[in-house]
N, C-alpha and C. Protein backbone atom coordinates (compact mmCIF):
# COMPACT_ATOMS: atom_id res chain seq x y z
N MET A 1 -85.87 -17.57 -104.15
CA MET A 1 -87.23 -17.09 -104.18
C MET A 1 -87.97 -17.59 -102.94
N THR A 2 -88.73 -16.73 -102.29
CA THR A 2 -89.47 -17.13 -101.11
C THR A 2 -90.79 -17.77 -101.51
N ASP A 3 -91.43 -18.47 -100.58
CA ASP A 3 -92.70 -19.14 -100.85
C ASP A 3 -93.77 -18.15 -101.28
N ARG A 4 -93.71 -16.93 -100.78
CA ARG A 4 -94.73 -15.94 -101.13
C ARG A 4 -94.72 -15.61 -102.62
N HIS A 5 -93.61 -15.83 -103.28
CA HIS A 5 -93.49 -15.44 -104.68
C HIS A 5 -93.61 -16.61 -105.65
N ARG A 6 -93.78 -17.80 -105.15
CA ARG A 6 -93.93 -18.97 -106.01
C ARG A 6 -95.37 -19.09 -106.48
N ALA A 7 -95.52 -19.61 -107.66
CA ALA A 7 -96.87 -19.88 -108.17
C ALA A 7 -97.41 -21.11 -107.45
N PRO A 8 -98.67 -21.11 -107.09
CA PRO A 8 -99.24 -22.28 -106.43
C PRO A 8 -99.15 -23.51 -107.34
N ARG A 9 -98.94 -24.65 -106.75
CA ARG A 9 -98.95 -25.91 -107.50
C ARG A 9 -100.32 -26.54 -107.29
N ILE A 10 -101.07 -26.62 -108.35
CA ILE A 10 -102.44 -27.15 -108.28
C ILE A 10 -102.55 -28.30 -109.27
N ASP A 11 -102.65 -29.49 -108.73
CA ASP A 11 -102.82 -30.68 -109.57
C ASP A 11 -104.31 -31.02 -109.60
N VAL A 12 -104.80 -31.36 -110.78
CA VAL A 12 -106.20 -31.73 -110.94
C VAL A 12 -106.26 -33.17 -111.41
N GLN A 13 -107.01 -33.98 -110.68
CA GLN A 13 -107.23 -35.38 -111.04
C GLN A 13 -108.72 -35.57 -111.27
N CYS A 14 -109.07 -36.15 -112.40
CA CYS A 14 -110.47 -36.44 -112.67
C CYS A 14 -110.60 -37.96 -112.81
N VAL A 15 -111.27 -38.57 -111.83
CA VAL A 15 -111.41 -40.03 -111.82
C VAL A 15 -112.88 -40.43 -111.92
N THR A 16 -113.63 -39.64 -112.63
CA THR A 16 -115.04 -39.92 -112.87
C THR A 16 -115.33 -39.81 -114.36
N SER A 17 -116.36 -40.47 -114.79
CA SER A 17 -116.76 -40.39 -116.19
C SER A 17 -117.81 -39.30 -116.43
N ALA A 18 -118.06 -38.48 -115.43
CA ALA A 18 -119.04 -37.40 -115.57
C ALA A 18 -118.67 -36.54 -116.77
N ARG A 19 -119.68 -36.12 -117.52
CA ARG A 19 -119.44 -35.41 -118.77
C ARG A 19 -119.28 -33.90 -118.62
N ASN A 20 -119.80 -33.34 -117.57
CA ASN A 20 -119.82 -31.88 -117.48
C ASN A 20 -118.78 -31.32 -116.52
N VAL A 21 -117.70 -32.04 -116.30
CA VAL A 21 -116.62 -31.55 -115.45
C VAL A 21 -115.85 -30.48 -116.21
N PRO A 22 -115.66 -29.31 -115.60
CA PRO A 22 -114.88 -28.26 -116.28
C PRO A 22 -113.45 -28.72 -116.55
N PRO A 23 -112.80 -28.15 -117.55
CA PRO A 23 -111.43 -28.54 -117.86
C PRO A 23 -110.46 -28.16 -116.72
N PRO A 24 -109.39 -28.92 -116.57
CA PRO A 24 -108.42 -28.63 -115.51
C PRO A 24 -107.89 -27.20 -115.52
N THR A 25 -107.72 -26.62 -116.70
CA THR A 25 -107.21 -25.24 -116.75
C THR A 25 -108.17 -24.28 -116.06
N ARG A 26 -109.47 -24.49 -116.24
CA ARG A 26 -110.47 -23.63 -115.61
C ARG A 26 -110.49 -23.85 -114.09
N ILE A 27 -110.41 -25.10 -113.68
CA ILE A 27 -110.39 -25.42 -112.24
C ILE A 27 -109.19 -24.75 -111.58
N ARG A 28 -108.04 -24.79 -112.26
CA ARG A 28 -106.83 -24.14 -111.71
C ARG A 28 -107.03 -22.62 -111.61
N GLN A 29 -107.69 -22.02 -112.59
CA GLN A 29 -107.95 -20.57 -112.53
C GLN A 29 -108.78 -20.22 -111.29
N TRP A 30 -109.83 -20.97 -111.08
CA TRP A 30 -110.68 -20.72 -109.90
C TRP A 30 -109.88 -20.91 -108.61
N ALA A 31 -109.08 -21.96 -108.57
CA ALA A 31 -108.30 -22.25 -107.37
C ALA A 31 -107.29 -21.13 -107.09
N ARG A 32 -106.58 -20.70 -108.12
CA ARG A 32 -105.58 -19.63 -107.94
C ARG A 32 -106.24 -18.34 -107.44
N ALA A 33 -107.43 -18.05 -107.96
CA ALA A 33 -108.14 -16.84 -107.54
C ALA A 33 -108.47 -16.89 -106.05
N ALA A 34 -108.75 -18.08 -105.54
CA ALA A 34 -109.14 -18.22 -104.14
C ALA A 34 -107.96 -18.23 -103.18
N LEU A 35 -106.75 -18.43 -103.70
CA LEU A 35 -105.58 -18.53 -102.82
C LEU A 35 -104.99 -17.16 -102.52
N SER A 36 -104.69 -16.94 -101.25
CA SER A 36 -104.08 -15.68 -100.85
C SER A 36 -102.56 -15.76 -100.82
N SER A 37 -102.02 -16.97 -100.90
CA SER A 37 -100.56 -17.15 -100.93
C SER A 37 -100.25 -18.51 -101.54
N ASP A 38 -98.98 -18.87 -101.50
CA ASP A 38 -98.52 -20.10 -102.13
C ASP A 38 -99.21 -21.31 -101.52
N ALA A 39 -99.39 -22.33 -102.35
CA ALA A 39 -100.03 -23.56 -101.90
C ALA A 39 -99.63 -24.71 -102.81
N ARG A 40 -99.75 -25.90 -102.26
CA ARG A 40 -99.62 -27.14 -103.02
C ARG A 40 -100.90 -27.92 -102.77
N VAL A 41 -101.71 -28.04 -103.81
CA VAL A 41 -103.05 -28.60 -103.65
C VAL A 41 -103.32 -29.62 -104.76
N THR A 42 -103.98 -30.68 -104.39
CA THR A 42 -104.53 -31.61 -105.37
C THR A 42 -106.04 -31.50 -105.30
N ILE A 43 -106.64 -31.26 -106.45
CA ILE A 43 -108.10 -31.22 -106.55
C ILE A 43 -108.50 -32.47 -107.31
N ARG A 44 -109.28 -33.31 -106.65
CA ARG A 44 -109.67 -34.61 -107.22
C ARG A 44 -111.18 -34.62 -107.44
N ILE A 45 -111.59 -34.82 -108.67
CA ILE A 45 -113.01 -34.90 -109.00
C ILE A 45 -113.38 -36.38 -109.02
N VAL A 46 -114.33 -36.73 -108.14
CA VAL A 46 -114.66 -38.14 -107.90
C VAL A 46 -116.12 -38.42 -108.23
N GLY A 47 -116.44 -39.70 -108.28
CA GLY A 47 -117.82 -40.14 -108.43
C GLY A 47 -118.47 -40.33 -107.07
N SER A 48 -119.71 -40.78 -107.09
CA SER A 48 -120.48 -40.94 -105.85
C SER A 48 -119.87 -41.94 -104.88
N ALA A 49 -119.38 -43.06 -105.39
CA ALA A 49 -118.85 -44.10 -104.50
C ALA A 49 -117.64 -43.58 -103.72
N GLU A 50 -116.70 -42.95 -104.42
CA GLU A 50 -115.51 -42.44 -103.72
C GLU A 50 -115.89 -41.26 -102.82
N GLY A 51 -116.80 -40.41 -103.27
CA GLY A 51 -117.25 -39.30 -102.44
C GLY A 51 -117.87 -39.78 -101.14
N ARG A 52 -118.68 -40.81 -101.25
CA ARG A 52 -119.32 -41.38 -100.05
C ARG A 52 -118.28 -42.02 -99.13
N LEU A 53 -117.36 -42.78 -99.71
CA LEU A 53 -116.31 -43.43 -98.92
C LEU A 53 -115.46 -42.39 -98.17
N LEU A 54 -115.07 -41.33 -98.85
CA LEU A 54 -114.27 -40.29 -98.20
C LEU A 54 -115.05 -39.62 -97.06
N ASN A 55 -116.29 -39.28 -97.30
CA ASN A 55 -117.10 -38.61 -96.29
C ASN A 55 -117.34 -39.54 -95.09
N ARG A 56 -117.59 -40.81 -95.36
CA ARG A 56 -117.80 -41.79 -94.28
C ARG A 56 -116.52 -42.00 -93.49
N SER A 57 -115.40 -42.12 -94.19
CA SER A 57 -114.11 -42.39 -93.53
C SER A 57 -113.62 -41.23 -92.68
N TYR A 58 -113.80 -40.01 -93.17
CA TYR A 58 -113.18 -38.86 -92.50
C TYR A 58 -114.15 -38.00 -91.72
N ARG A 59 -115.44 -38.05 -92.05
CA ARG A 59 -116.41 -37.22 -91.34
C ARG A 59 -117.51 -38.04 -90.67
N LYS A 60 -117.45 -39.36 -90.84
CA LYS A 60 -118.44 -40.27 -90.25
C LYS A 60 -119.85 -39.98 -90.73
N ARG A 61 -119.97 -39.53 -91.98
CA ARG A 61 -121.27 -39.26 -92.59
C ARG A 61 -121.39 -40.15 -93.82
N ASP A 62 -122.42 -40.96 -93.86
CA ASP A 62 -122.54 -42.00 -94.87
C ASP A 62 -123.29 -41.54 -96.11
N TYR A 63 -122.77 -40.53 -96.76
CA TYR A 63 -123.31 -40.05 -98.03
C TYR A 63 -122.23 -39.25 -98.74
N ALA A 64 -122.37 -39.14 -100.04
CA ALA A 64 -121.44 -38.31 -100.82
C ALA A 64 -121.84 -36.85 -100.62
N THR A 65 -120.86 -36.00 -100.46
CA THR A 65 -121.10 -34.57 -100.30
C THR A 65 -120.40 -33.82 -101.43
N ASN A 66 -120.71 -32.54 -101.59
CA ASN A 66 -120.20 -31.78 -102.74
C ASN A 66 -118.69 -31.56 -102.69
N VAL A 67 -118.17 -31.15 -101.55
CA VAL A 67 -116.73 -30.85 -101.47
C VAL A 67 -116.21 -31.24 -100.09
N LEU A 68 -115.02 -31.80 -100.08
CA LEU A 68 -114.31 -32.10 -98.84
C LEU A 68 -112.91 -31.50 -98.95
N THR A 69 -112.47 -30.91 -97.87
CA THR A 69 -111.13 -30.32 -97.82
C THR A 69 -110.30 -31.05 -96.77
N PHE A 70 -109.12 -31.47 -97.17
CA PHE A 70 -108.19 -32.14 -96.28
C PHE A 70 -106.96 -31.25 -96.16
N VAL A 71 -106.75 -30.69 -94.98
CA VAL A 71 -105.67 -29.75 -94.75
C VAL A 71 -104.46 -30.48 -94.19
N PHE A 72 -103.33 -30.35 -94.88
CA PHE A 72 -102.08 -30.95 -94.41
C PHE A 72 -101.15 -29.91 -93.79
N ARG A 73 -101.26 -28.68 -94.25
CA ARG A 73 -100.45 -27.58 -93.71
C ARG A 73 -101.35 -26.37 -93.61
N GLU A 74 -101.47 -25.81 -92.41
CA GLU A 74 -102.44 -24.75 -92.12
C GLU A 74 -101.90 -23.34 -92.28
N ARG A 75 -100.67 -23.22 -92.77
CA ARG A 75 -100.10 -21.88 -93.00
C ARG A 75 -99.32 -21.93 -94.31
N PRO A 76 -99.06 -20.76 -94.89
CA PRO A 76 -98.35 -20.75 -96.17
C PRO A 76 -96.97 -21.41 -96.07
N PRO A 77 -96.59 -22.13 -97.08
CA PRO A 77 -97.40 -22.53 -98.21
C PRO A 77 -98.42 -23.59 -97.78
N TYR A 78 -99.69 -23.30 -98.02
CA TYR A 78 -100.75 -24.23 -97.66
C TYR A 78 -100.58 -25.52 -98.43
N GLU A 79 -100.99 -26.63 -97.80
CA GLU A 79 -100.96 -27.92 -98.47
C GLU A 79 -102.23 -28.66 -98.13
N GLY A 80 -102.81 -29.30 -99.15
CA GLY A 80 -103.99 -30.09 -98.89
C GLY A 80 -104.60 -30.68 -100.14
N ASP A 81 -105.63 -31.44 -99.91
CA ASP A 81 -106.40 -32.06 -100.98
C ASP A 81 -107.83 -31.57 -100.92
N ILE A 82 -108.42 -31.41 -102.09
CA ILE A 82 -109.83 -31.04 -102.20
C ILE A 82 -110.48 -32.15 -103.02
N ALA A 83 -111.57 -32.73 -102.50
CA ALA A 83 -112.33 -33.73 -103.26
C ALA A 83 -113.66 -33.11 -103.64
N LEU A 84 -113.95 -33.15 -104.94
CA LEU A 84 -115.21 -32.64 -105.47
C LEU A 84 -116.00 -33.82 -106.01
N CYS A 85 -117.22 -33.98 -105.59
CA CYS A 85 -118.04 -35.11 -106.05
C CYS A 85 -118.91 -34.64 -107.21
N ALA A 86 -118.55 -35.07 -108.41
CA ALA A 86 -119.20 -34.61 -109.64
C ALA A 86 -120.72 -34.81 -109.65
N PRO A 87 -121.23 -36.00 -109.31
CA PRO A 87 -122.68 -36.16 -109.36
C PRO A 87 -123.43 -35.26 -108.38
N VAL A 88 -122.85 -35.05 -107.22
CA VAL A 88 -123.50 -34.18 -106.23
C VAL A 88 -123.50 -32.73 -106.71
N ILE A 89 -122.39 -32.28 -107.25
CA ILE A 89 -122.30 -30.90 -107.73
C ILE A 89 -123.29 -30.68 -108.87
N THR A 90 -123.37 -31.63 -109.78
CA THR A 90 -124.32 -31.50 -110.90
C THR A 90 -125.76 -31.47 -110.39
N ARG A 91 -126.10 -32.38 -109.50
CA ARG A 91 -127.46 -32.44 -108.94
C ARG A 91 -127.82 -31.15 -108.21
N GLU A 92 -126.88 -30.64 -107.39
CA GLU A 92 -127.13 -29.40 -106.66
C GLU A 92 -127.29 -28.21 -107.60
N ALA A 93 -126.46 -28.15 -108.63
CA ALA A 93 -126.55 -27.04 -109.59
C ALA A 93 -127.94 -27.01 -110.22
N ARG A 94 -128.41 -28.15 -110.64
CA ARG A 94 -129.75 -28.21 -111.24
C ARG A 94 -130.83 -27.82 -110.24
N ALA A 95 -130.73 -28.35 -109.03
CA ALA A 95 -131.73 -28.05 -108.01
C ALA A 95 -131.74 -26.57 -107.64
N GLN A 96 -130.56 -25.95 -107.68
CA GLN A 96 -130.44 -24.53 -107.32
C GLN A 96 -130.58 -23.62 -108.53
N ARG A 97 -130.85 -24.20 -109.68
CA ARG A 97 -131.05 -23.46 -110.93
C ARG A 97 -129.88 -22.53 -111.24
N LYS A 98 -128.68 -23.12 -111.21
CA LYS A 98 -127.48 -22.40 -111.62
C LYS A 98 -126.71 -23.28 -112.58
N THR A 99 -125.77 -22.70 -113.28
CA THR A 99 -124.99 -23.51 -114.20
C THR A 99 -124.07 -24.44 -113.42
N VAL A 100 -123.76 -25.56 -114.04
CA VAL A 100 -122.85 -26.51 -113.42
C VAL A 100 -121.48 -25.85 -113.24
N ALA A 101 -121.05 -25.08 -114.22
CA ALA A 101 -119.74 -24.40 -114.11
C ALA A 101 -119.73 -23.44 -112.92
N ALA A 102 -120.80 -22.68 -112.72
CA ALA A 102 -120.86 -21.75 -111.59
C ALA A 102 -120.78 -22.50 -110.27
N HIS A 103 -121.43 -23.65 -110.19
CA HIS A 103 -121.41 -24.41 -108.94
C HIS A 103 -120.04 -25.05 -108.72
N TYR A 104 -119.41 -25.54 -109.78
CA TYR A 104 -118.05 -26.05 -109.64
C TYR A 104 -117.12 -24.94 -109.15
N ALA A 105 -117.22 -23.77 -109.77
CA ALA A 105 -116.37 -22.65 -109.35
C ALA A 105 -116.57 -22.37 -107.87
N HIS A 106 -117.83 -22.35 -107.44
CA HIS A 106 -118.13 -22.09 -106.03
C HIS A 106 -117.51 -23.16 -105.14
N MET A 107 -117.67 -24.43 -105.50
CA MET A 107 -117.16 -25.51 -104.66
C MET A 107 -115.63 -25.53 -104.63
N VAL A 108 -114.98 -25.23 -105.76
CA VAL A 108 -113.51 -25.14 -105.77
C VAL A 108 -113.07 -24.04 -104.82
N MET A 109 -113.66 -22.88 -104.94
CA MET A 109 -113.28 -21.74 -104.10
C MET A 109 -113.61 -22.01 -102.64
N HIS A 110 -114.77 -22.60 -102.39
CA HIS A 110 -115.17 -22.95 -101.02
C HIS A 110 -114.13 -23.87 -100.38
N GLY A 111 -113.73 -24.89 -101.12
CA GLY A 111 -112.72 -25.82 -100.60
C GLY A 111 -111.39 -25.15 -100.34
N LEU A 112 -110.97 -24.27 -101.25
CA LEU A 112 -109.69 -23.57 -101.08
C LEU A 112 -109.75 -22.59 -99.90
N LEU A 113 -110.89 -21.99 -99.67
CA LEU A 113 -111.01 -21.11 -98.51
C LEU A 113 -110.91 -21.91 -97.21
N HIS A 114 -111.54 -23.09 -97.18
CA HIS A 114 -111.38 -23.96 -96.00
C HIS A 114 -109.90 -24.29 -95.78
N LEU A 115 -109.18 -24.56 -96.85
CA LEU A 115 -107.76 -24.88 -96.75
C LEU A 115 -106.99 -23.74 -96.07
N GLN A 116 -107.46 -22.52 -96.25
CA GLN A 116 -106.79 -21.34 -95.71
C GLN A 116 -107.37 -20.88 -94.37
N GLY A 117 -108.18 -21.71 -93.76
CA GLY A 117 -108.67 -21.41 -92.42
C GLY A 117 -110.06 -20.82 -92.32
N TYR A 118 -110.70 -20.57 -93.44
CA TYR A 118 -112.08 -20.07 -93.38
C TYR A 118 -113.00 -21.22 -92.96
N ASP A 119 -114.07 -20.87 -92.25
CA ASP A 119 -115.08 -21.88 -91.95
C ASP A 119 -116.44 -21.21 -91.81
N HIS A 120 -117.44 -22.01 -91.54
CA HIS A 120 -118.81 -21.48 -91.40
C HIS A 120 -119.48 -22.12 -90.20
N GLU A 121 -118.71 -22.26 -89.12
CA GLU A 121 -119.22 -22.89 -87.91
C GLU A 121 -120.11 -21.97 -87.08
N ASN A 122 -119.96 -20.67 -87.28
CA ASN A 122 -120.85 -19.73 -86.59
C ASN A 122 -121.23 -18.63 -87.59
N ASP A 123 -122.20 -17.81 -87.21
CA ASP A 123 -122.75 -16.81 -88.14
C ASP A 123 -121.70 -15.81 -88.62
N ILE A 124 -120.81 -15.38 -87.73
CA ILE A 124 -119.80 -14.38 -88.10
C ILE A 124 -118.81 -14.97 -89.10
N ASP A 125 -118.33 -16.17 -88.82
CA ASP A 125 -117.38 -16.82 -89.74
C ASP A 125 -118.05 -17.16 -91.06
N ALA A 126 -119.31 -17.60 -91.00
CA ALA A 126 -120.03 -17.93 -92.24
C ALA A 126 -120.20 -16.69 -93.10
N ALA A 127 -120.56 -15.57 -92.48
CA ALA A 127 -120.74 -14.32 -93.25
C ALA A 127 -119.42 -13.89 -93.89
N ARG A 128 -118.32 -14.03 -93.17
CA ARG A 128 -117.00 -13.68 -93.70
C ARG A 128 -116.65 -14.56 -94.90
N MET A 129 -116.89 -15.85 -94.76
CA MET A 129 -116.57 -16.78 -95.84
C MET A 129 -117.47 -16.52 -97.06
N GLU A 130 -118.75 -16.31 -96.82
CA GLU A 130 -119.67 -16.05 -97.92
C GLU A 130 -119.32 -14.76 -98.66
N ARG A 131 -118.92 -13.71 -97.93
CA ARG A 131 -118.51 -12.46 -98.59
C ARG A 131 -117.34 -12.71 -99.52
N ARG A 132 -116.38 -13.48 -99.04
CA ARG A 132 -115.19 -13.79 -99.85
C ARG A 132 -115.58 -14.60 -101.09
N GLU A 133 -116.44 -15.59 -100.91
CA GLU A 133 -116.88 -16.40 -102.04
C GLU A 133 -117.60 -15.55 -103.08
N LYS A 134 -118.50 -14.68 -102.65
CA LYS A 134 -119.24 -13.82 -103.58
C LYS A 134 -118.30 -12.93 -104.38
N THR A 135 -117.30 -12.36 -103.71
CA THR A 135 -116.33 -11.50 -104.38
C THR A 135 -115.54 -12.29 -105.42
N LEU A 136 -115.07 -13.46 -105.04
CA LEU A 136 -114.30 -14.29 -105.96
C LEU A 136 -115.13 -14.73 -107.16
N LEU A 137 -116.34 -15.18 -106.92
CA LEU A 137 -117.20 -15.65 -108.00
C LEU A 137 -117.55 -14.52 -108.96
N ALA A 138 -117.74 -13.32 -108.43
CA ALA A 138 -118.08 -12.16 -109.27
C ALA A 138 -116.96 -11.86 -110.26
N ARG A 139 -115.71 -12.12 -109.89
CA ARG A 139 -114.59 -11.90 -110.80
C ARG A 139 -114.71 -12.72 -112.08
N PHE A 140 -115.41 -13.84 -111.98
CA PHE A 140 -115.60 -14.72 -113.13
C PHE A 140 -116.99 -14.56 -113.75
N GLY A 141 -117.73 -13.58 -113.27
CA GLY A 141 -119.05 -13.31 -113.83
C GLY A 141 -120.15 -14.22 -113.30
N TYR A 142 -119.88 -14.92 -112.20
CA TYR A 142 -120.89 -15.81 -111.63
C TYR A 142 -121.71 -15.06 -110.58
N PRO A 143 -123.01 -15.35 -110.52
CA PRO A 143 -123.87 -14.65 -109.56
C PRO A 143 -123.66 -15.13 -108.13
N ASP A 144 -124.19 -14.39 -107.22
CA ASP A 144 -124.16 -14.71 -105.79
C ASP A 144 -124.84 -16.06 -105.57
N PRO A 145 -124.10 -17.05 -105.09
CA PRO A 145 -124.70 -18.39 -104.94
C PRO A 145 -125.67 -18.49 -103.77
N TYR A 146 -125.70 -17.47 -102.93
CA TYR A 146 -126.56 -17.52 -101.75
C TYR A 146 -127.90 -16.82 -101.96
N ARG A 147 -128.05 -16.15 -103.09
CA ARG A 147 -129.33 -15.51 -103.41
C ARG A 147 -130.31 -16.54 -103.94
N PRO A 148 -131.58 -16.35 -103.66
CA PRO A 148 -132.58 -17.27 -104.24
C PRO A 148 -132.50 -17.23 -105.76
N PRO A 149 -132.75 -18.37 -106.42
CA PRO A 149 -132.65 -18.42 -107.88
C PRO A 149 -133.45 -17.33 -108.59
N SER A 150 -134.59 -16.98 -108.07
CA SER A 150 -135.42 -15.98 -108.73
C SER A 150 -134.78 -14.59 -108.71
N LEU A 151 -133.84 -14.37 -107.81
CA LEU A 151 -133.16 -13.06 -107.70
C LEU A 151 -131.74 -13.12 -108.28
N ARG A 152 -131.32 -14.27 -108.74
CA ARG A 152 -129.94 -14.47 -109.18
C ARG A 152 -129.69 -13.94 -110.59
N GLY A 153 -130.71 -13.85 -111.39
CA GLY A 153 -130.51 -13.37 -112.74
C GLY A 153 -129.94 -14.39 -113.67
N THR A 154 -130.14 -15.69 -113.36
CA THR A 154 -129.63 -16.75 -114.25
C THR A 154 -130.76 -17.37 -115.01
């Protein structure tokens, strides 16, 4: 069997006591939807301290951020780690007036798209990535995360 026909291997690690983390089965569904080909990925849900440490160590930014993507292999089968910071995702979801699940789905997909070479460093690339995210999120019934809350219908 070739790599194109293998099911992606997605490991989910939850090392936080946050209460509203979606179940691993749901996280894997979102991740598989975002993948265009085979991959081996670990998705790690962390607390603020680990999120801050990772961001400081690898991006030289001294704060916890919502999602970090670590790419180990840039072509299929893709390989990498995704770190999701539970407190940041929850705080952002509330501030943006969306469900925590919708924001987790967005951050999982966002991280997986980065793993596959998508980025948002310029307007053209950002628009391409946002289009893909909107399409993927719509498959799960989630609204456009880039629309203002008053127009989102949530």
